[in-house]
Amino acid sequence: MWVFGYGSLIWKVDFPYEEKRIGYIKGFTRRFWQGSTDHRGVPGKPGRVVTLVEDSEACVWGVAYKLPTGREQEVKSYLDYREKGGYQVIMVTFHPRPPLSPLPSQMLLYIGSHDNPDYLGPAPLEEIANQIVASTGPSGRNTEYLFQLADAVRTILPEDSDTHLFSLETLVRERVHNDQKHSHTQTG
């Protein structure tokens, strides 16, 4: 059993796996449109994390993990719990990064669909950035999620020119920098 990671599963690998492969899936684009009240926000003040939205012309790069033989259900149960905040599991076709060219294969994907209760949907990038800067939850600051994901994509998946992700990262870094400058001015 394989699972495809496109968000925190790229950089927060806190589960056992047997093998991993870099590659992509077609027909989706990554967006910060999923609310998080269990990890990067709280009820009434959700953070924003990524989900995938359908886009027939797009592809999303990520990391595929082969769950340990004989422990697939145990690890999947853990992932089901970790990804419980509005995510459902669907099957997708994974295309490995060349030159590793096994045939495309089917794997599990956790996706927050538009009809789940935590789905926030599209918003202006500035509004999403403000929400990320202001949100913290049990797993930490929402900015950490964004920065870890952007750094991982840049490092592990240089093929991925995700303009939504990198534009949002730039906006949030500017806001954090300005907030720090402002607070130093007030205290200094």
C-alpha atoms as a PDB file:
ATOM      1  CA  MET A   1       0.000   0.000   0.000  1.00  0.00           C
ATOM      2  CA  TRP A   2       1.335   3.404  -1.056  1.00  0.00           C
ATOM      3  CA  VAL A   3       0.335   6.901   0.114  1.00  0.00           C
ATOM      4  CA  PHE A   4       0.997  10.142  -1.797  1.00  0.00           C
ATOM      5  CA  GLY A   5       2.024  13.189   0.249  1.00  0.00           C
ATOM      6  CA  TYR A   6       1.730  16.753  -1.083  1.00  0.00           C
ATOM      7  CA  GLY A   7       1.608  18.815   2.134  1.00  0.00           C
ATOM      8  CA  SER A   8       2.904  18.046   5.611  1.00  0.00           C
ATOM      9  CA  LEU A   9       3.449  14.412   4.602  1.00  0.00           C
ATOM     10  CA  ILE A  10       6.405  15.732   2.567  1.00  0.00           C
ATOM     11  CA  TRP A  11       8.227  17.306   5.522  1.00  0.00           C
ATOM     12  CA  LYS A  12       6.701  15.769   8.656  1.00  0.00           C
ATOM     13  CA  VAL A  13       7.261  12.065   8.133  1.00  0.00           C
ATOM     14  CA  ASP A  14       6.382  10.750  11.581  1.00  0.00           C
ATOM     15  CA  PHE A  15       5.326   7.291  10.439  1.00  0.00           C
ATOM     16  CA  PRO A  16       7.281   4.226   9.320  1.00  0.00           C
ATOM     17  CA  TYR A  17       7.637   3.464   5.619  1.00  0.00           C
ATOM     18  CA  GLU A  18       9.557   0.939   3.532  1.00  0.00           C
ATOM     19  CA  GLU A  19      10.375   3.029   0.494  1.00  0.00           C
ATOM     20  CA  LYS A  20       9.736   6.499  -0.869  1.00  0.00           C
ATOM     21  CA  ARG A  21       9.600   7.916  -4.376  1.00  0.00           C
ATOM     22  CA  ILE A  22       9.414  11.431  -5.755  1.00  0.00           C
ATOM     23  CA  GLY A  23       6.825  12.022  -8.455  1.00  0.00           C
ATOM     24  CA  TYR A  24       3.540  13.660  -9.337  1.00  0.00           C
ATOM     25  CA  ILE A  25      -0.164  13.176  -9.877  1.00  0.00           C
ATOM     26  CA  LYS A  26      -2.142  14.800 -12.685  1.00  0.00           C
ATOM     27  CA  GLY A  27      -5.427  16.670 -12.629  1.00  0.00           C
ATOM     28  CA  PHE A  28      -4.957  18.598  -9.380  1.00  0.00           C
ATOM     29  CA  THR A  29      -3.359  21.756  -8.046  1.00  0.00           C
ATOM     30  CA  ARG A  30      -2.235  22.438  -4.445  1.00  0.00           C
ATOM     31  CA  ARG A  31      -4.077  25.221  -2.585  1.00  0.00           C
ATOM     32  CA  PHE A  32      -4.228  26.565   0.989  1.00  0.00           C
ATOM     33  CA  TRP A  33      -8.002  26.157   1.020  1.00  0.00           C
ATOM     34  CA  GLN A  34      -8.413  23.630   3.855  1.00  0.00           C
ATOM     35  CA  GLY A  35      -9.110  24.866   7.361  1.00  0.00           C
ATOM     36  CA  SER A  36      -7.200  23.352  10.276  1.00  0.00           C
ATOM     37  CA  THR A  37      -8.748  23.425  13.731  1.00  0.00           C
ATOM     38  CA  ASP A  38      -6.854  20.354  14.972  1.00  0.00           C
ATOM     39  CA  HIS A  39      -3.226  21.137  14.013  1.00  0.00           C
ATOM     40  CA  ARG A  40      -2.517  24.732  12.847  1.00  0.00           C
ATOM     41  CA  GLY A  41      -5.519  26.540  14.257  1.00  0.00           C
ATOM     42  CA  VAL A  42      -8.323  26.071  16.759  1.00  0.00           C
ATOM     43  CA  PRO A  43     -12.132  25.936  16.525  1.00  0.00           C
ATOM     44  CA  GLY A  44     -13.389  29.415  15.722  1.00  0.00           C
ATOM     45  CA  LYS A  45      -9.944  30.495  14.468  1.00  0.00           C
ATOM     46  CA  PRO A  46      -8.809  27.919  11.913  1.00  0.00           C
ATOM     47  CA  GLY A  47      -5.412  27.898  10.306  1.00  0.00           C
ATOM     48  CA  ARG A  48      -4.986  27.134   6.631  1.00  0.00           C
ATOM     49  CA  VAL A  49      -3.314  24.017   5.254  1.00  0.00           C
ATOM     50  CA  VAL A  50      -3.141  22.555   1.788  1.00  0.00           C
ATOM     51  CA  THR A  51      -5.591  20.405  -0.051  1.00  0.00           C
ATOM     52  CA  LEU A  52      -5.838  19.586  -3.737  1.00  0.00           C
ATOM     53  CA  VAL A  53      -8.422  20.999  -6.104  1.00  0.00           C
ATOM     54  CA  GLU A  54      -9.256  19.595  -9.488  1.00  0.00           C
ATOM     55  CA  ASP A  55      -7.474  21.205 -12.434  1.00  0.00           C
ATOM     56  CA  SER A  56      -7.299  19.108 -15.582  1.00  0.00           C
ATOM     57  CA  GLU A  57      -4.218  20.961 -16.876  1.00  0.00           C
ATOM     58  CA  ALA A  58      -2.165  20.782 -13.672  1.00  0.00           C
ATOM     59  CA  CYS A  59       0.017  18.329 -11.821  1.00  0.00           C
ATOM     60  CA  VAL A  60       1.171  18.243  -8.213  1.00  0.00           C
ATOM     61  CA  TRP A  61       4.621  17.013  -7.208  1.00  0.00           C
ATOM     62  CA  GLY A  62       5.028  15.145  -3.955  1.00  0.00           C
ATOM     63  CA  VAL A  63       6.428  12.100  -2.224  1.00  0.00           C
ATOM     64  CA  ALA A  64       4.977   8.592  -2.319  1.00  0.00           C
ATOM     65  CA  TYR A  65       5.551   6.289   0.648  1.00  0.00           C
ATOM     66  CA  LYS A  66       5.242   2.502   0.656  1.00  0.00           C
ATOM     67  CA  LEU A  67       3.752   1.531   3.985  1.00  0.00           C
ATOM     68  CA  PRO A  68       5.639  -1.262   5.806  1.00  0.00           C
ATOM     69  CA  THR A  69       4.699  -4.766   4.708  1.00  0.00           C
ATOM     70  CA  GLY A  70       2.562  -6.418   7.364  1.00  0.00           C
ATOM     71  CA  ARG A  71       1.873  -3.062   9.090  1.00  0.00           C
ATOM     72  CA  GLU A  72      -0.092  -1.314   6.338  1.00  0.00           C
ATOM     73  CA  GLN A  73      -3.389  -1.116   8.265  1.00  0.00           C
ATOM     74  CA  GLU A  74      -1.668   0.016  11.479  1.00  0.00           C
ATOM     75  CA  VAL A  75       0.147   2.869   9.694  1.00  0.00           C
ATOM     76  CA  LYS A  76      -2.914   3.765   7.613  1.00  0.00           C
ATOM     77  CA  SER A  77      -4.965   3.979  10.834  1.00  0.00           C
ATOM     78  CA  TYR A  78      -2.388   6.411  12.233  1.00  0.00           C
ATOM     79  CA  LEU A  79      -2.528   8.501   9.028  1.00  0.00           C
ATOM     80  CA  ASP A  80      -6.347   8.418   9.089  1.00  0.00           C
ATOM     81  CA  TYR A  81      -6.183   9.909  12.591  1.00  0.00           C
ATOM     82  CA  ARG A  82      -3.504  12.454  11.673  1.00  0.00           C
ATOM     83  CA  GLU A  83      -5.439  13.590   8.593  1.00  0.00           C
ATOM     84  CA  LYS A  84      -8.861  13.489  10.273  1.00  0.00           C
ATOM     85  CA  GLY A  85      -9.624  17.204   9.951  1.00  0.00           C
ATOM     86  CA  GLY A  86     -11.874  17.045   6.896  1.00  0.00           C
ATOM     87  CA  TYR A  87      -9.760  14.775   4.704  1.00  0.00           C
ATOM     88  CA  GLN A  88     -11.056  11.753   2.837  1.00  0.00           C
ATOM     89  CA  VAL A  89      -9.079   9.053   1.030  1.00  0.00           C
ATOM     90  CA  ILE A  90      -9.232   8.591  -2.740  1.00  0.00           C
ATOM     91  CA  MET A  91      -7.132   6.584  -5.202  1.00  0.00           C
ATOM     92  CA  VAL A  92      -4.885   8.415  -7.673  1.00  0.00           C
ATOM     93  CA  THR A  93      -2.349   7.485 -10.333  1.00  0.00           C
ATOM     94  CA  PHE A  94       1.218   8.320  -9.341  1.00  0.00           C
ATOM     95  CA  HIS A  95       3.885   9.081 -11.949  1.00  0.00           C
ATOM     96  CA  PRO A  96       7.456   8.581 -10.658  1.00  0.00           C
ATOM     97  CA  ARG A  97      10.172  11.132 -11.408  1.00  0.00           C
ATOM     98  CA  PRO A  98      12.394  10.068 -14.311  1.00  0.00           C
ATOM     99  CA  PRO A  99      14.810   8.310 -14.666  1.00  0.00           C
ATOM    100  CA  LEU A 100      13.082   6.048 -12.123  1.00  0.00           C
ATOM    101  CA  SER A 101      10.420   4.899 -14.516  1.00  0.00           C
ATOM    102  CA  PRO A 102       8.315   2.109 -13.155  1.00  0.00           C
ATOM    103  CA  LEU A 103       4.869   2.282 -14.627  1.00  0.00           C
ATOM    104  CA  PRO A 104       2.447   4.726 -13.007  1.00  0.00           C
ATOM    105  CA  SER A 105       0.753   3.086 -10.054  1.00  0.00           C
ATOM    106  CA  GLN A 106      -2.351   3.547  -7.910  1.00  0.00           C
ATOM    107  CA  MET A 107      -2.011   4.950  -4.422  1.00  0.00           C
ATOM    108  CA  LEU A 108      -3.950   6.518  -1.572  1.00  0.00           C
ATOM    109  CA  LEU A 109      -4.362  10.287  -1.336  1.00  0.00           C
ATOM    110  CA  TYR A 110      -5.801  12.314   1.555  1.00  0.00           C
ATOM    111  CA  ILE A 111      -7.822  15.201   0.151  1.00  0.00           C
ATOM    112  CA  GLY A 112     -10.008  17.840   1.769  1.00  0.00           C
ATOM    113  CA  SER A 113     -12.929  18.090  -0.621  1.00  0.00           C
ATOM    114  CA  HIS A 114     -15.032  21.228  -0.946  1.00  0.00           C
ATOM    115  CA  ASP A 115     -17.959  19.629   0.904  1.00  0.00           C
ATOM    116  CA  ASN A 116     -16.089  18.847   4.147  1.00  0.00           C
ATOM    117  CA  PRO A 117     -16.862  21.018   7.211  1.00  0.00           C
ATOM    118  CA  ASP A 118     -13.283  22.374   7.473  1.00  0.00           C
ATOM    119  CA  TYR A 119     -13.034  23.450   3.832  1.00  0.00           C
ATOM    120  CA  LEU A 120     -12.488  27.222   3.613  1.00  0.00           C
ATOM    121  CA  GLY A 121     -12.171  27.519  -0.150  1.00  0.00           C
ATOM    122  CA  PRO A 122     -10.597  30.232  -2.238  1.00  0.00           C
ATOM    123  CA  ALA A 123      -9.814  33.687  -0.896  1.00  0.00           C
ATOM    124  CA  PRO A 124      -7.530  36.528  -1.978  1.00  0.00           C
ATOM    125  CA  LEU A 125      -3.883  35.610  -1.334  1.00  0.00           C
ATOM    126  CA  GLU A 126      -3.516  38.557   1.074  1.00  0.00           C
ATOM    127  CA  GLU A 127      -6.409  37.256   3.181  1.00  0.00           C
ATOM    128  CA  ILE A 128      -4.951  33.732   3.258  1.00  0.00           C
ATOM    129  CA  ALA A 129      -1.561  35.203   4.263  1.00  0.00           C
ATOM    130  CA  ASN A 130      -3.137  37.201   7.118  1.00  0.00           C
ATOM    131  CA  GLN A 131      -4.960  34.120   8.379  1.00  0.00           C
ATOM    132  CA  ILE A 132      -1.746  32.040   8.310  1.00  0.00           C
ATOM    133  CA  VAL A 133       0.209  34.722  10.209  1.00  0.00           C
ATOM    134  CA  ALA A 134      -2.516  34.935  12.879  1.00  0.00           C
ATOM    135  CA  SER A 135      -3.075  31.185  13.399  1.00  0.00           C
ATOM    136  CA  THR A 136      -1.564  28.758  15.882  1.00  0.00           C
ATOM    137  CA  GLY A 137      -2.820  25.341  16.940  1.00  0.00           C
ATOM    138  CA  PRO A 138      -1.787  22.237  18.882  1.00  0.00           C
ATOM    139  CA  SER A 139       0.872  21.354  16.257  1.00  0.00           C
ATOM    140  CA  GLY A 140       2.368  24.864  16.224  1.00  0.00           C
ATOM    141  CA  ARG A 141       2.256  28.086  14.263  1.00  0.00           C
ATOM    142  CA  ASN A 142       0.577  28.062  10.859  1.00  0.00           C
ATOM    143  CA  THR A 143       3.577  29.991   9.471  1.00  0.00           C
ATOM    144  CA  GLU A 144       5.818  27.011  10.349  1.00  0.00           C
ATOM    145  CA  TYR A 145       3.601  24.718   8.245  1.00  0.00           C
ATOM    146  CA  LEU A 146       3.834  27.078   5.262  1.00  0.00           C
ATOM    147  CA  PHE A 147       7.608  27.662   5.560  1.00  0.00           C
ATOM    148  CA  GLN A 148       8.409  23.960   6.095  1.00  0.00           C
ATOM    149  CA  LEU A 149       6.315  23.023   3.054  1.00  0.00           C
ATOM    150  CA  ALA A 150       7.856  25.718   0.831  1.00  0.00           C
ATOM    151  CA  ASP A 151      11.394  24.764   1.913  1.00  0.00           C
ATOM    152  CA  ALA A 152      10.716  21.052   1.332  1.00  0.00           C
ATOM    153  CA  VAL A 153       9.201  21.637  -2.104  1.00  0.00           C
ATOM    154  CA  ARG A 154      12.133  23.853  -3.101  1.00  0.00           C
ATOM    155  CA  THR A 155      14.672  21.278  -1.854  1.00  0.00           C
ATOM    156  CA  ILE A 156      13.095  17.920  -2.660  1.00  0.00           C
ATOM    157  CA  LEU A 157      10.910  18.871  -5.638  1.00  0.00           C
ATOM    158  CA  PRO A 158      12.743  21.550  -7.639  1.00  0.00           C
ATOM    159  CA  GLU A 159      10.557  20.688 -10.658  1.00  0.00           C
ATOM    160  CA  ASP A 160       7.573  22.139  -8.838  1.00  0.00           C
ATOM    161  CA  SER A 161       7.088  25.851  -9.553  1.00  0.00           C
ATOM    162  CA  ASP A 162       3.975  26.100  -7.368  1.00  0.00           C
ATOM    163  CA  THR A 163       3.176  29.810  -7.734  1.00  0.00           C
ATOM    164  CA  HIS A 164       0.362  29.692  -5.149  1.00  0.00           C
ATOM    165  CA  LEU A 165       2.712  28.223  -2.522  1.00  0.00           C
ATOM    166  CA  PHE A 166       5.712  30.441  -3.247  1.00  0.00           C
ATOM    167  CA  SER A 167       3.685  33.664  -3.646  1.00  0.00           C
ATOM    168  CA  LEU A 168       1.995  32.955  -0.334  1.00  0.00           C
ATOM    169  CA  GLU A 169       5.354  32.233   1.303  1.00  0.00           C
ATOM    170  CA  THR A 170       6.705  35.595   0.085  1.00  0.00           C
ATOM    171  CA  LEU A 171       3.658  37.483   1.402  1.00  0.00           C
ATOM    172  CA  VAL A 172       3.770  35.754   4.789  1.00  0.00           C
ATOM    173  CA  ARG A 173       7.538  36.268   5.197  1.00  0.00           C
ATOM    174  CA  GLU A 174       7.027  40.003   4.465  1.00  0.00           C
ATOM    175  CA  ARG A 175       4.224  40.227   7.038  1.00  0.00           C
ATOM    176  CA  VAL A 176       6.264  38.375   9.688  1.00  0.00           C
ATOM    177  CA  HIS A 177       9.282  40.600   8.984  1.00  0.00           C
ATOM    178  CA  ASN A 178       7.160  43.767   9.186  1.00  0.00           C
ATOM    179  CA  ASP A 179       5.485  42.565  12.406  1.00  0.00           C
ATOM    180  CA  GLN A 180       8.924  41.912  13.955  1.00  0.00           C
ATOM    181  CA  LYS A 181      10.193  45.344  12.832  1.00  0.00           C
ATOM    182  CA  HIS A 182       7.061  46.981  14.229  1.00  0.00           C
ATOM    183  CA  SER A 183       7.338  45.190  17.605  1.00  0.00           C
ATOM    184  CA  HIS A 184      11.068  46.115  17.869  1.00  0.00           C
ATOM    185  CA  THR A 185      10.210  49.744  17.178  1.00  0.00           C
ATOM    186  CA  GLN A 186       7.590  49.740  19.945  1.00  0.00           C
ATOM    187  CA  THR A 187       9.851  48.050  22.510  1.00  0.00           C
ATOM    188  CA  GLY A 188      13.132  49.731  21.545  1.00  0.00           C
END
